[in-house]
Amino acid sequence: MQLRTHKALPTMALGAVLAAPLAAQAEDSGDPIVIPIHNWNSQIVMSHVVGQIFEQMGNNVEYVSTDSQAVYEAVRLGDVHLEMEVWEGAFGASFNEALEKGGLHDAGDHDAVTREDWWYPEYVAELCPGLPDWEALNGCADMFATPETGDQGRFLGGPVDWLKHDQERVDALGMNFKVVNAGSASALWAELAAAEKRGEPIVLFNWTPNFIEAVYPGAFVEFPEHEPGCDKDSSKGPNPDETYDCANPPNGYLKKAAWDGMEETWPAAYEMLTKISFTNPQIAEMAKLVDIDELEPEEAATVWLEENENVWQAWIN
């Protein structure tokens, strides 16, 4: 997790947001609820939002940096106790694998609907006619070439641990692209901002909900229609010899996961967790507070709680 230099510190404290601490739940254990932190800002801020509410309920909370794929095994084993953002496209396979082993469970969906795929800023459509069709993009591949990729176009992917299988898709569809992975979400946005300033073509990994859609108009690349199982069954998708030859789910879920022991150990906190449901705009705002307003994640969580008291008080009440 990268620390940021903020422009201005929020003046309020969470204690002022909540006029008085909520009554401690006697039945909840005094052991800390361990919340994992990953490498994109909506997840980090959301985790702190939930953690700060838990603390006001009288619970102890710890945050630990955890790999975004390995976290489901950690939840299953009780090393961490929940996961706030289970994205279907990026983490559905790891979540389902842990679910089959036992030890964690689905703690409910957010209202948010997700999409994760290749994306380009609006001005690129003028440079590459035929977009958003993937074949049109492939026909313009040389336009996206860099010294790093030679005569192939560059697709700027997310961090390697997000396991998006972009190179497998490139190979399955015979695309003239090379996948280059960014080290962090912040690195993606820095490259996008630089390309936009220069008017240079760029295609990169993006997702929604995300603050980017409010700052840089753009569109997702339209690959062959998603078919469940196309990541494992070569008969799915247009290439009968390859897997990963289709789009990611266009209307994916965003779930919460919880350790099976959480309900018994922290029943009040667990009950609140099952009620939590964030929307696309709410999640985008959490990311914006860090990526645009340059607050630290903990400060961003406090600001979000102050500005959305009517939302989270309903979960507690």
Protein backbone atom coordinates (compact mmCIF):
# COMPACT_ATOMS: atom_id res chain seq x y z
CA MET A 1 0.00 0.00 0.00
CA GLN A 2 1.49 3.32 -1.01
CA LEU A 3 1.20 6.31 1.29
CA ARG A 4 0.15 9.59 -0.31
CA THR A 5 0.84 13.21 0.52
CA HIS A 6 -2.54 14.81 1.06
CA LYS A 7 -3.49 18.36 0.18
CA ALA A 8 -5.47 18.99 3.33
CA LEU A 9 -6.19 16.97 6.43
CA PRO A 10 -9.83 16.51 7.35
CA THR A 11 -10.67 18.53 10.44
CA MET A 12 -13.12 16.13 11.97
CA ALA A 13 -12.41 13.01 14.01
CA LEU A 14 -14.56 9.93 13.76
CA GLY A 15 -15.64 10.48 17.35
CA ALA A 16 -17.26 13.70 16.16
CA VAL A 17 -18.92 11.90 13.28
CA LEU A 18 -20.55 9.55 15.72
CA ALA A 19 -21.90 11.80 18.44
CA ALA A 20 -21.15 9.08 20.96
CA PRO A 21 -19.58 5.64 20.62
CA LEU A 22 -22.08 2.93 19.99
CA ALA A 23 -22.75 0.62 22.89
CA ALA A 24 -20.21 -2.19 23.05
CA GLN A 25 -21.68 -5.53 22.19
CA ALA A 26 -21.04 -7.69 25.23
CA GLU A 27 -21.32 -10.91 23.28
CA ASP A 28 -18.54 -9.97 20.84
CA SER A 29 -15.08 -11.32 21.58
CA GLY A 30 -12.33 -8.93 22.64
CA ASP A 31 -10.01 -10.54 20.09
CA PRO A 32 -9.26 -8.30 17.11
CA ILE A 33 -11.20 -8.63 13.89
CA VAL A 34 -8.47 -8.93 11.28
CA ILE A 35 -9.28 -7.12 8.03
CA PRO A 36 -7.13 -7.64 4.90
CA ILE A 37 -5.82 -4.73 2.83
CA HIS A 38 -4.98 -5.07 -0.89
CA ASN A 39 -3.54 -2.83 -3.60
CA TRP A 40 -6.44 -0.78 -4.93
CA ASN A 41 -7.92 2.17 -3.11
CA SER A 42 -11.64 1.44 -3.01
CA GLN A 43 -10.89 -1.81 -1.17
CA ILE A 44 -8.51 -0.09 1.22
CA VAL A 45 -10.91 2.75 2.05
CA MET A 46 -13.92 0.42 2.28
CA SER A 47 -12.03 -1.83 4.69
CA HIS A 48 -11.22 1.16 6.90
CA VAL A 49 -14.82 2.36 6.75
CA VAL A 50 -16.01 -0.99 8.05
CA GLY A 51 -13.16 -1.23 10.55
CA GLN A 52 -13.93 2.18 12.01
CA ILE A 53 -17.59 1.23 12.44
CA PHE A 54 -16.55 -2.00 14.16
CA GLU A 55 -14.37 0.00 16.54
CA GLN A 56 -17.26 2.30 17.41
CA MET A 57 -19.25 -0.83 18.23
CA GLY A 58 -16.61 -1.67 20.82
CA ASN A 59 -14.61 -4.15 18.75
CA ASN A 60 -10.87 -4.30 18.29
CA VAL A 61 -9.61 -4.22 14.70
CA GLU A 62 -6.32 -5.03 12.97
CA TYR A 63 -5.41 -4.47 9.32
CA VAL A 64 -2.95 -6.69 7.48
CA SER A 65 -1.60 -6.41 3.94
CA THR A 66 -2.68 -9.58 2.11
CA ASP A 67 -2.31 -10.91 -1.44
CA SER A 68 -5.60 -10.39 -3.26
CA GLN A 69 -5.77 -14.02 -4.47
CA ALA A 70 -4.36 -15.77 -1.38
CA VAL A 71 -6.75 -13.86 0.88
CA TYR A 72 -9.51 -16.43 0.40
CA GLU A 73 -7.35 -19.19 1.81
CA ALA A 74 -6.46 -16.84 4.68
CA VAL A 75 -10.16 -16.19 5.38
CA ARG A 76 -10.92 -19.91 5.15
CA LEU A 77 -8.26 -20.64 7.78
CA GLY A 78 -9.33 -17.78 10.04
CA ASP A 79 -6.04 -15.87 9.66
CA VAL A 80 -8.11 -12.92 8.48
CA HIS A 81 -11.82 -12.75 9.13
CA LEU A 82 -13.54 -11.15 6.14
CA GLU A 83 -13.07 -9.78 2.64
CA MET A 84 -15.03 -6.70 1.55
CA GLU A 85 -14.51 -6.82 -2.24
CA VAL A 86 -14.84 -10.19 -3.99
CA TRP A 87 -14.85 -9.18 -7.67
CA GLU A 88 -16.31 -11.91 -9.87
CA GLY A 89 -13.96 -11.35 -12.80
CA ALA A 90 -10.69 -11.10 -10.89
CA PHE A 91 -11.26 -13.25 -7.82
CA GLY A 92 -14.28 -15.47 -8.45
CA ALA A 93 -12.14 -18.55 -9.17
CA SER A 94 -10.06 -18.18 -5.98
CA PHE A 95 -13.17 -17.49 -3.93
CA ASN A 96 -14.99 -20.54 -5.28
CA GLU A 97 -11.96 -22.78 -4.72
CA ALA A 98 -11.80 -21.75 -1.07
CA LEU A 99 -15.59 -22.07 -0.76
CA GLU A 100 -15.42 -25.69 -1.90
CA LYS A 101 -12.77 -26.48 0.72
CA GLY A 102 -14.91 -25.02 3.51
CA GLY A 103 -14.11 -22.54 6.25
CA LEU A 104 -15.49 -19.39 4.62
CA HIS A 105 -18.83 -18.44 3.16
CA ASP A 106 -20.63 -15.88 1.02
CA ALA A 107 -21.64 -13.01 3.33
CA GLY A 108 -23.84 -11.30 0.76
CA ASP A 109 -23.62 -9.13 -2.34
CA HIS A 110 -23.11 -5.41 -2.65
CA ASP A 111 -25.64 -3.51 -4.74
CA ALA A 112 -22.77 -2.57 -7.05
CA VAL A 113 -22.52 -4.27 -10.45
CA THR A 114 -18.97 -4.76 -11.71
CA ARG A 115 -17.12 -4.99 -14.98
CA GLU A 116 -13.38 -5.59 -15.45
CA ASP A 117 -11.77 -5.62 -18.88
CA TRP A 118 -9.65 -3.86 -21.49
CA TRP A 119 -10.52 -0.18 -21.71
CA TYR A 120 -9.50 2.90 -23.68
CA PRO A 121 -10.06 6.66 -23.24
CA GLU A 122 -12.59 8.29 -25.52
CA TYR A 123 -10.11 10.03 -27.83
CA VAL A 124 -8.61 6.68 -28.88
CA ALA A 125 -11.85 5.81 -30.73
CA GLU A 126 -11.08 8.63 -33.18
CA LEU A 127 -7.61 7.19 -33.80
CA CYS A 128 -8.79 3.59 -34.25
CA PRO A 129 -12.10 3.43 -36.17
CA GLY A 130 -14.23 0.40 -35.43
CA LEU A 131 -13.77 0.44 -31.68
CA PRO A 132 -14.99 -0.91 -29.32
CA ASP A 133 -14.82 -4.15 -31.36
CA TRP A 134 -11.76 -6.19 -30.40
CA GLU A 135 -10.93 -7.06 -34.00
CA ALA A 136 -10.83 -3.36 -34.88
CA LEU A 137 -8.48 -2.84 -31.92
CA ASN A 138 -6.26 -5.65 -33.17
CA GLY A 139 -6.17 -4.04 -36.60
CA CYS A 140 -4.72 -0.93 -34.94
CA ALA A 141 -2.21 -2.87 -32.81
CA ASP A 142 0.85 -1.11 -34.22
CA MET A 143 -0.57 2.18 -33.02
CA PHE A 144 -0.13 0.96 -29.42
CA ALA A 145 3.44 -0.33 -29.90
CA THR A 146 6.19 0.86 -27.54
CA PRO A 147 9.95 0.23 -27.43
CA GLU A 148 9.17 -2.44 -24.82
CA THR A 149 6.80 -4.35 -27.14
CA GLY A 150 8.52 -3.90 -30.50
CA ASP A 151 6.10 -4.23 -33.40
CA GLN A 152 3.32 -5.51 -31.13
CA GLY A 153 0.78 -3.30 -29.43
CA ARG A 154 1.05 -2.85 -25.68
CA PHE A 155 -1.82 -3.74 -23.39
CA LEU A 156 -1.18 -2.28 -19.95
CA GLY A 157 -2.53 -4.84 -17.50
CA GLY A 158 -3.10 -4.62 -13.76
CA PRO A 159 -0.72 -6.00 -11.13
CA VAL A 160 0.27 -9.63 -11.73
CA ASP A 161 -1.47 -10.84 -8.57
CA TRP A 162 -4.85 -9.83 -10.01
CA LEU A 163 -4.53 -12.86 -12.34
CA LYS A 164 -6.55 -11.49 -15.24
CA HIS A 165 -5.18 -13.99 -17.82
CA ASP A 166 -4.80 -11.25 -20.41
CA GLN A 167 -1.90 -12.97 -22.19
CA GLU A 168 -3.95 -16.16 -22.46
CA ARG A 169 -6.72 -14.16 -24.13
CA VAL A 170 -4.24 -12.50 -26.51
CA ASP A 171 -2.91 -15.93 -27.50
CA ALA A 172 -6.36 -17.52 -27.80
CA LEU A 173 -7.63 -14.77 -30.09
CA GLY A 174 -4.39 -14.42 -32.05
CA MET A 175 -3.99 -10.75 -31.17
CA ASN A 176 -0.90 -8.77 -32.09
CA PHE A 177 -0.51 -7.46 -28.55
CA LYS A 178 1.91 -7.99 -25.68
CA VAL A 179 0.74 -7.69 -22.09
CA VAL A 180 2.81 -5.48 -19.80
CA ASN A 181 1.71 -5.48 -16.16
CA ALA A 182 1.63 -2.31 -14.09
CA GLY A 183 2.93 -2.59 -10.55
CA SER A 184 -0.12 -1.00 -8.94
CA ALA A 185 -3.45 0.64 -9.63
CA SER A 186 -1.76 4.02 -9.15
CA ALA A 187 0.71 3.15 -11.90
CA LEU A 188 -2.19 2.46 -14.28
CA TRP A 189 -3.71 5.87 -13.64
CA ALA A 190 -0.34 7.64 -13.95
CA GLU A 191 0.20 6.10 -17.39
CA LEU A 192 -3.35 6.95 -18.45
CA ALA A 193 -2.94 10.57 -17.36
CA ALA A 194 0.37 10.88 -19.23
CA ALA A 195 -1.04 9.35 -22.41
CA GLU A 196 -4.15 11.53 -22.29
CA LYS A 197 -2.05 14.68 -21.85
CA ARG A 198 -0.01 13.81 -24.96
CA GLY A 199 -2.97 12.46 -26.93
CA GLU A 200 -1.23 9.11 -27.34
CA PRO A 201 -3.12 5.83 -27.88
CA ILE A 202 -3.39 3.62 -24.83
CA VAL A 203 -5.41 0.52 -23.94
CA LEU A 204 -5.30 -0.67 -20.36
CA PHE A 205 -7.08 -2.67 -17.71
CA ASN A 206 -9.92 -0.84 -16.01
CA TRP A 207 -12.94 -1.66 -13.93
CA THR A 208 -16.19 -0.24 -12.66
CA PRO A 209 -17.09 0.96 -10.07
CA ASN A 210 -14.09 3.26 -10.24
CA PHE A 211 -13.48 7.00 -10.07
CA ILE A 212 -11.79 6.88 -13.50
CA GLU A 213 -15.09 6.89 -15.40
CA ALA A 214 -15.89 10.35 -13.96
CA VAL A 215 -12.47 11.78 -14.86
CA TYR A 216 -11.66 10.15 -18.21
CA PRO A 217 -14.59 9.27 -20.49
CA GLY A 218 -13.93 6.02 -22.31
CA ALA A 219 -15.25 2.57 -23.15
CA PHE A 220 -14.53 -1.11 -22.62
CA VAL A 221 -13.30 -3.20 -25.53
CA GLU A 222 -15.99 -5.63 -26.67
CA PHE A 223 -14.53 -9.14 -26.89
CA PRO A 224 -16.47 -12.26 -27.91
CA GLU A 225 -19.45 -12.60 -25.61
CA HIS A 226 -18.74 -14.03 -22.18
CA GLU A 227 -19.67 -17.68 -21.71
CA PRO A 228 -19.43 -19.27 -18.28
CA GLY A 229 -16.64 -21.84 -18.41
CA CYS A 230 -14.69 -20.31 -21.29
CA ASP A 231 -11.68 -20.14 -18.95
CA LYS A 232 -11.65 -23.93 -18.63
CA ASP A 233 -13.59 -25.40 -21.56
CA SER A 234 -12.16 -24.83 -25.05
CA SER A 235 -15.55 -25.57 -26.62
CA LYS A 236 -16.75 -22.26 -25.18
CA GLY A 237 -15.90 -19.16 -27.20
CA PRO A 238 -14.90 -18.78 -30.85
CA ASN A 239 -11.58 -20.69 -30.73
CA PRO A 240 -12.28 -24.43 -30.31
CA ASP A 241 -8.67 -25.10 -29.33
CA GLU A 242 -8.14 -22.48 -26.64
CA THR A 243 -9.59 -21.22 -23.38
CA TYR A 244 -9.89 -17.56 -22.25
CA ASP A 245 -11.20 -16.57 -25.69
CA CYS A 246 -14.16 -14.52 -24.45
CA ALA A 247 -14.91 -11.36 -22.50
CA ASN A 248 -15.06 -11.07 -18.72
CA PRO A 249 -18.58 -11.03 -17.20
CA PRO A 250 -20.22 -7.73 -18.25
CA ASN A 251 -22.40 -7.58 -15.12
CA GLY A 252 -20.28 -9.24 -12.48
CA TYR A 253 -21.02 -9.56 -8.78
CA LEU A 254 -19.23 -7.85 -5.92
CA LYS A 255 -19.49 -10.01 -2.83
CA LYS A 256 -18.37 -10.07 0.78
CA ALA A 257 -16.75 -13.17 2.25
CA ALA A 258 -16.47 -14.14 5.90
CA TRP A 259 -14.69 -16.75 7.99
CA ASP A 260 -17.13 -19.39 9.21
CA GLY A 261 -16.15 -18.63 12.82
CA MET A 262 -16.90 -14.93 12.60
CA GLU A 263 -20.60 -15.16 13.42
CA GLU A 264 -19.95 -17.05 16.65
CA THR A 265 -16.94 -14.98 17.70
CA TRP A 266 -18.27 -11.49 16.86
CA PRO A 267 -22.05 -11.90 16.37
CA ALA A 268 -22.89 -8.18 16.41
CA ALA A 269 -20.12 -7.26 13.97
CA TYR A 270 -21.04 -10.19 11.75
CA GLU A 271 -24.70 -9.15 11.66
CA MET A 272 -23.68 -5.67 10.53
CA LEU A 273 -21.34 -7.11 7.89
CA THR A 274 -24.21 -9.03 6.30
CA LYS A 275 -26.26 -5.81 6.05
CA ILE A 276 -23.53 -3.77 4.36
CA SER A 277 -24.15 -3.11 0.68
CA PHE A 278 -22.31 -0.40 -1.24
CA THR A 279 -23.40 1.00 -4.61
CA ASN A 280 -21.28 1.84 -7.65
CA PRO A 281 -21.22 5.62 -6.91
CA GLN A 282 -20.34 5.04 -3.24
CA ILE A 283 -17.39 2.81 -4.14
CA ALA A 284 -16.21 5.23 -6.82
CA GLU A 285 -16.31 8.04 -4.26
CA MET A 286 -14.13 6.03 -1.85
CA ALA A 287 -11.45 5.64 -4.51
CA LYS A 288 -11.72 9.32 -5.54
CA LEU A 289 -11.03 10.51 -2.00
CA VAL A 290 -7.56 8.94 -2.24
CA ASP A 291 -6.72 9.05 -5.95
CA ILE A 292 -8.02 12.57 -6.67
CA ASP A 293 -8.40 14.32 -3.30
CA GLU A 294 -5.15 12.72 -2.06
CA LEU A 295 -6.31 11.79 1.42
CA GLU A 296 -4.76 8.90 3.29
CA PRO A 297 -7.08 5.85 3.26
CA GLU A 298 -7.84 6.17 6.98
CA GLU A 299 -8.74 9.84 6.54
CA ALA A 300 -10.80 9.06 3.45
CA ALA A 301 -12.80 6.51 5.46
CA THR A 302 -13.52 9.11 8.14
CA VAL A 303 -14.65 11.64 5.54
CA TRP A 304 -16.86 9.05 3.84
CA LEU A 305 -18.48 8.12 7.15
CA GLU A 306 -19.21 11.77 7.94
CA GLU A 307 -20.77 12.39 4.52
CA ASN A 308 -22.83 9.17 4.45
CA GLU A 309 -24.07 8.80 7.99
CA ASN A 310 -27.59 7.98 6.87
CA VAL A 311 -26.25 5.01 4.88
CA TRP A 312 -24.26 3.19 7.54
CA GLN A 313 -26.47 4.08 10.51
CA ALA A 314 -29.22 2.02 8.86
CA TRP A 315 -26.93 -1.04 8.95
CA ILE A 316 -26.38 -0.61 12.68
CA ASN A 317 -29.95 0.23 13.58
